[in-house]
Amino acid sequence: MSFAFFRNLTKPRPAPAEEREHHVAGRTLPLRIVENERARRLTLRIEAGGQGLRITVPPGLRQGEVERFLSRHQGWLEQRLAKVPDRPQVRPGIKVPVRGVPHLIVHEPGKRGTVVVGADETGPTLTIHGDRLHLPRRVADFLKREAKRDIEALVLRHTGAIGRKAKSVRFKDTSSRWGSCTADGNLSFSWRIMMAPPPVINYLVAHEVAHLKEMNHGPKFWKLCDELCPDTQRCKAWLKKNGGALQAIAFE
């Protein structure tokens, strides 16, 4: 979600990058202001799940211009944040998707803190043992282990297909992107992608592996993506439509 306008190029003083809070629609959200030398306009974005705001600014911009930009588009923010649901908290009785399939969270205290995949009359389940206080973290740890297993195997498959090697494969919980590839070959993925269907997981890995050969989003890159993942366009659209809901799930 974004809204932008062209800046006055005559402003002489740069706006420093900073992080602060912004109050809007009854919420207090982290606001990140990032200066980008390639930017020719201010761009405002609501992070996935409505968990923060990001403004990209060109160099040579006065701080007051950022403030006026925010003030003018306060109504725009309120309208869009009103459509973002509150963060669902991981707890017994709710369903969390695993590889796109909703699993009912069941808590059984009195045993060691493990996670068991099963099923009952309602469908697939995730049974969490141990202290109730640690249940959200244990579900997150389960997804991280599943991500490491599946994604590392997919990285090997796709790197073998293009004849390149990844320097490392890392897993994070990021709110602004699902994956990344550095110039020296380090791949990073959000472990939350394990809540998406398998074709979408495969697309994400193919996307980042393709960057090992094409560090851009040009025609050659997308051609390579399509070769690695023929379902690229459908999976890309799925992630754009549903990714925010996955990012909004609270594992704290």
Protein backbone atom coordinates (compact mmCIF):
# COMPACT_ATOMS: atom_id res chain seq x y z
CA MET A 1 0.00 0.00 0.00
CA SER A 2 1.57 3.30 -1.00
CA PHE A 3 0.90 6.92 -1.84
CA ALA A 4 3.44 9.33 -3.24
CA PHE A 5 3.93 12.81 -4.58
CA PHE A 6 6.81 14.51 -6.36
CA ARG A 7 9.03 16.63 -4.14
CA ASN A 8 10.32 20.16 -4.62
CA LEU A 9 13.82 19.52 -5.95
CA THR A 10 15.07 22.89 -4.68
CA LYS A 11 15.05 21.87 -1.02
CA PRO A 12 18.71 21.94 0.06
CA ARG A 13 18.88 20.15 3.41
CA PRO A 14 18.80 16.32 3.56
CA ALA A 15 16.37 14.56 5.84
CA PRO A 16 18.31 12.09 8.01
CA ALA A 17 17.16 8.51 8.26
CA GLU A 18 15.47 7.86 11.59
CA GLU A 19 13.07 5.64 13.46
CA ARG A 20 10.30 7.00 15.64
CA GLU A 21 6.62 6.50 16.48
CA HIS A 22 3.60 7.86 14.64
CA HIS A 23 0.08 8.07 16.05
CA VAL A 24 -2.72 7.24 13.62
CA ALA A 25 -6.16 5.59 13.78
CA GLY A 26 -5.86 5.00 17.51
CA ARG A 27 -2.58 3.15 17.06
CA THR A 28 1.02 3.95 17.83
CA LEU A 29 3.13 2.52 15.03
CA PRO A 30 6.88 2.49 14.44
CA LEU A 31 7.78 4.87 11.63
CA ARG A 32 10.98 4.37 9.67
CA ILE A 33 12.29 7.19 7.47
CA VAL A 34 14.87 5.97 4.97
CA GLU A 35 16.87 8.19 2.62
CA ASN A 36 17.49 6.73 -0.83
CA GLU A 37 19.75 8.49 -3.30
CA ARG A 38 17.77 7.03 -6.22
CA ALA A 39 14.40 8.26 -4.97
CA ARG A 40 12.84 11.21 -6.79
CA ARG A 41 9.73 11.39 -4.62
CA LEU A 42 8.50 10.56 -1.15
CA THR A 43 6.89 7.15 -0.85
CA LEU A 44 4.77 6.08 2.10
CA ARG A 45 4.17 2.39 2.75
CA ILE A 46 2.26 0.43 5.37
CA GLU A 47 4.28 -2.61 6.37
CA ALA A 48 2.78 -6.08 6.13
CA GLY A 49 0.15 -6.71 8.76
CA GLY A 50 -0.16 -2.99 9.53
CA GLN A 51 2.71 -3.27 11.99
CA GLY A 52 4.65 -0.21 10.94
CA LEU A 53 5.12 2.63 8.48
CA ARG A 54 8.00 3.37 6.15
CA ILE A 55 8.76 6.58 4.25
CA THR A 56 11.43 6.59 1.56
CA VAL A 57 12.80 10.08 0.93
CA PRO A 58 15.16 11.53 -1.68
CA PRO A 59 18.36 13.24 -0.55
CA GLY A 60 18.16 16.98 -0.05
CA LEU A 61 14.82 17.05 1.72
CA ARG A 62 13.82 19.16 4.71
CA GLN A 63 12.38 17.44 7.74
CA GLY A 64 9.37 19.74 7.65
CA GLU A 65 8.42 18.40 4.24
CA VAL A 66 8.17 14.88 5.70
CA GLU A 67 5.91 16.20 8.45
CA ARG A 68 3.64 17.97 5.98
CA PHE A 69 3.52 14.84 3.83
CA LEU A 70 2.39 12.77 6.82
CA SER A 71 -0.16 15.37 7.83
CA ARG A 72 -1.70 15.56 4.36
CA HIS A 73 -2.05 11.79 4.11
CA GLN A 74 -3.23 11.06 7.63
CA GLY A 75 -6.71 10.34 6.27
CA TRP A 76 -5.26 7.97 3.68
CA LEU A 77 -3.48 6.07 6.45
CA GLU A 78 -6.59 5.91 8.63
CA GLN A 79 -8.69 4.47 5.79
CA ARG A 80 -6.23 1.75 4.98
CA LEU A 81 -5.31 0.86 8.53
CA ALA A 82 -9.02 0.46 9.28
CA LYS A 83 -9.00 -2.44 6.80
CA VAL A 84 -6.09 -4.17 8.54
CA PRO A 85 -7.36 -6.64 11.17
CA ASP A 86 -5.96 -6.76 14.68
CA ARG A 87 -3.08 -9.18 15.09
CA PRO A 88 -4.38 -12.65 15.94
CA GLN A 89 -2.45 -14.03 18.91
CA VAL A 90 -1.28 -17.65 18.72
CA ARG A 91 -3.18 -19.45 21.47
CA PRO A 92 -5.14 -22.67 22.03
CA GLY A 93 -8.29 -22.89 19.95
CA ILE A 94 -7.17 -20.86 16.93
CA LYS A 95 -5.93 -22.27 13.64
CA VAL A 96 -2.48 -21.58 12.22
CA PRO A 97 -1.68 -22.64 8.66
CA VAL A 98 1.19 -25.03 8.06
CA ARG A 99 2.12 -25.31 4.37
CA GLY A 100 -1.23 -23.67 3.61
CA VAL A 101 -3.33 -26.10 5.67
CA PRO A 102 -5.02 -24.69 8.82
CA HIS A 103 -4.01 -26.59 11.98
CA LEU A 104 -5.95 -26.26 15.23
CA ILE A 105 -3.71 -25.28 18.16
CA VAL A 106 -4.24 -27.70 21.06
CA HIS A 107 -2.52 -27.27 24.43
CA GLU A 108 -1.75 -30.26 26.60
CA PRO A 109 0.19 -29.28 29.75
CA GLY A 110 2.01 -31.75 31.93
CA LYS A 111 4.34 -33.10 29.28
CA ARG A 112 7.65 -31.93 27.91
CA GLY A 113 7.55 -28.87 25.66
CA THR A 114 7.15 -30.54 22.31
CA VAL A 115 4.96 -30.02 19.24
CA VAL A 116 3.05 -32.95 17.74
CA VAL A 117 1.34 -32.83 14.35
CA GLY A 118 -1.88 -34.83 14.32
CA ALA A 119 -5.58 -34.73 13.54
CA ASP A 120 -8.94 -35.02 15.27
CA GLU A 121 -12.56 -34.88 14.16
CA THR A 122 -12.14 -31.21 13.19
CA GLY A 123 -9.08 -31.76 10.99
CA PRO A 124 -5.29 -31.26 11.31
CA THR A 125 -3.93 -30.25 14.73
CA LEU A 126 -0.77 -28.95 16.35
CA THR A 127 -0.60 -30.18 19.93
CA ILE A 128 1.71 -28.12 22.11
CA HIS A 129 2.98 -29.62 25.36
CA GLY A 130 4.50 -27.78 28.31
CA ASP A 131 3.84 -24.43 29.95
CA ARG A 132 1.03 -22.38 28.36
CA LEU A 133 3.21 -19.28 28.60
CA HIS A 134 5.66 -20.69 26.07
CA LEU A 135 3.08 -21.96 23.57
CA PRO A 136 3.43 -19.16 20.96
CA ARG A 137 7.21 -19.47 20.96
CA ARG A 138 7.02 -23.24 20.56
CA VAL A 139 4.74 -22.88 17.54
CA ALA A 140 7.17 -20.37 16.04
CA ASP A 141 10.11 -22.70 16.74
CA PHE A 142 8.24 -25.53 15.03
CA LEU A 143 7.72 -23.39 11.91
CA LYS A 144 11.40 -22.41 11.94
CA ARG A 145 12.47 -26.06 11.99
CA GLU A 146 10.09 -26.89 9.16
CA ALA A 147 11.36 -23.89 7.17
CA LYS A 148 14.98 -24.94 7.60
CA ARG A 149 14.23 -28.46 6.39
CA ASP A 150 12.10 -27.55 3.37
CA ILE A 151 13.87 -24.41 2.23
CA GLU A 152 17.41 -25.73 2.46
CA ALA A 153 16.36 -28.64 0.24
CA LEU A 154 14.73 -26.26 -2.26
CA VAL A 155 17.82 -24.05 -2.28
CA LEU A 156 19.97 -27.06 -3.21
CA ARG A 157 17.54 -27.99 -5.99
CA HIS A 158 17.37 -24.54 -7.54
CA THR A 159 21.06 -23.66 -7.15
CA GLY A 160 21.89 -26.95 -8.84
CA ALA A 161 19.61 -26.00 -11.71
CA ILE A 162 21.38 -22.68 -12.36
CA GLY A 163 24.92 -23.83 -11.53
CA ARG A 164 25.43 -21.41 -8.64
CA LYS A 165 26.00 -21.94 -4.92
CA ALA A 166 24.59 -20.05 -1.96
CA LYS A 167 27.12 -18.91 0.59
CA SER A 168 24.64 -19.32 3.43
CA VAL A 169 20.94 -19.80 4.11
CA ARG A 170 19.47 -17.86 7.03
CA PHE A 171 16.04 -17.55 8.61
CA LYS A 172 14.55 -14.40 10.12
CA ASP A 173 11.22 -12.88 11.14
CA THR A 174 10.98 -9.83 8.92
CA SER A 175 7.95 -7.60 8.47
CA SER A 176 8.88 -5.92 5.20
CA ARG A 177 10.16 -8.70 2.95
CA TRP A 178 9.90 -12.46 2.55
CA GLY A 179 13.42 -13.09 1.38
CA SER A 180 16.65 -11.51 0.25
CA CYS A 181 19.89 -12.30 -1.55
CA THR A 182 23.12 -10.38 -0.98
CA ALA A 183 25.75 -9.72 -3.63
CA ASP A 184 28.07 -12.27 -2.02
CA GLY A 185 25.45 -15.04 -2.07
CA ASN A 186 23.83 -15.00 1.36
CA LEU A 187 20.16 -16.01 1.18
CA SER A 188 17.66 -15.03 3.88
CA PHE A 189 14.06 -16.14 4.27
CA SER A 190 11.23 -15.35 6.64
CA TRP A 191 10.31 -18.57 8.43
CA ARG A 192 6.67 -17.40 8.29
CA ILE A 193 6.60 -18.53 4.66
CA MET A 194 6.02 -22.05 6.05
CA MET A 195 2.41 -20.98 6.60
CA ALA A 196 1.97 -20.55 2.83
CA PRO A 197 1.12 -23.36 0.39
CA PRO A 198 4.09 -25.41 -0.92
CA PRO A 199 4.02 -23.86 -4.43
CA VAL A 200 4.39 -20.40 -2.86
CA ILE A 201 7.28 -21.58 -0.69
CA ASN A 202 8.94 -22.98 -3.80
CA TYR A 203 8.37 -19.70 -5.67
CA LEU A 204 10.00 -17.67 -2.91
CA VAL A 205 13.09 -19.88 -2.90
CA ALA A 206 13.27 -19.83 -6.70
CA HIS A 207 12.98 -16.02 -6.63
CA GLU A 208 15.89 -15.55 -4.24
CA VAL A 209 18.06 -18.20 -5.88
CA ALA A 210 17.50 -16.49 -9.24
CA HIS A 211 19.15 -13.41 -7.72
CA LEU A 212 22.38 -15.39 -7.40
CA LYS A 213 22.60 -15.08 -11.18
CA GLU A 214 20.55 -11.92 -11.85
CA MET A 215 20.85 -9.27 -9.11
CA ASN A 216 17.94 -7.24 -10.46
CA HIS A 217 14.28 -7.55 -11.42
CA GLY A 218 14.77 -7.24 -15.12
CA PRO A 219 13.42 -9.43 -17.94
CA LYS A 220 16.28 -11.97 -17.61
CA PHE A 221 15.55 -12.35 -13.90
CA TRP A 222 11.84 -13.04 -14.40
CA LYS A 223 12.60 -15.42 -17.26
CA LEU A 224 14.87 -17.36 -14.91
CA CYS A 225 12.17 -17.32 -12.22
CA ASP A 226 9.70 -18.80 -14.68
CA GLU A 227 12.19 -21.52 -15.61
CA LEU A 228 12.75 -22.45 -11.97
CA CYS A 229 9.10 -22.04 -10.99
CA PRO A 230 6.61 -22.16 -13.89
CA ASP A 231 3.88 -21.07 -11.43
CA THR A 232 5.68 -17.82 -10.66
CA GLN A 233 2.90 -15.38 -11.56
CA ARG A 234 0.16 -17.20 -9.64
CA CYS A 235 2.36 -17.67 -6.57
CA LYS A 236 3.55 -14.07 -6.67
CA ALA A 237 -0.08 -12.90 -6.75
CA TRP A 238 -1.00 -15.23 -3.87
CA LEU A 239 1.76 -13.83 -1.68
CA LYS A 240 0.82 -10.25 -2.50
CA LYS A 241 -2.82 -10.94 -1.59
CA ASN A 242 -2.34 -13.13 1.48
CA GLY A 243 1.12 -12.31 2.80
CA GLY A 244 -0.08 -9.51 5.06
CA ALA A 245 -2.35 -11.88 6.98
CA LEU A 246 0.57 -14.23 7.64
CA GLN A 247 2.75 -11.35 8.80
CA ALA A 248 0.01 -10.19 11.17
CA ILE A 249 -0.03 -13.38 13.25
CA ALA A 250 1.54 -12.64 16.63
CA PHE A 251 3.90 -15.24 18.07
CA GLU A 252 5.00 -13.18 21.07
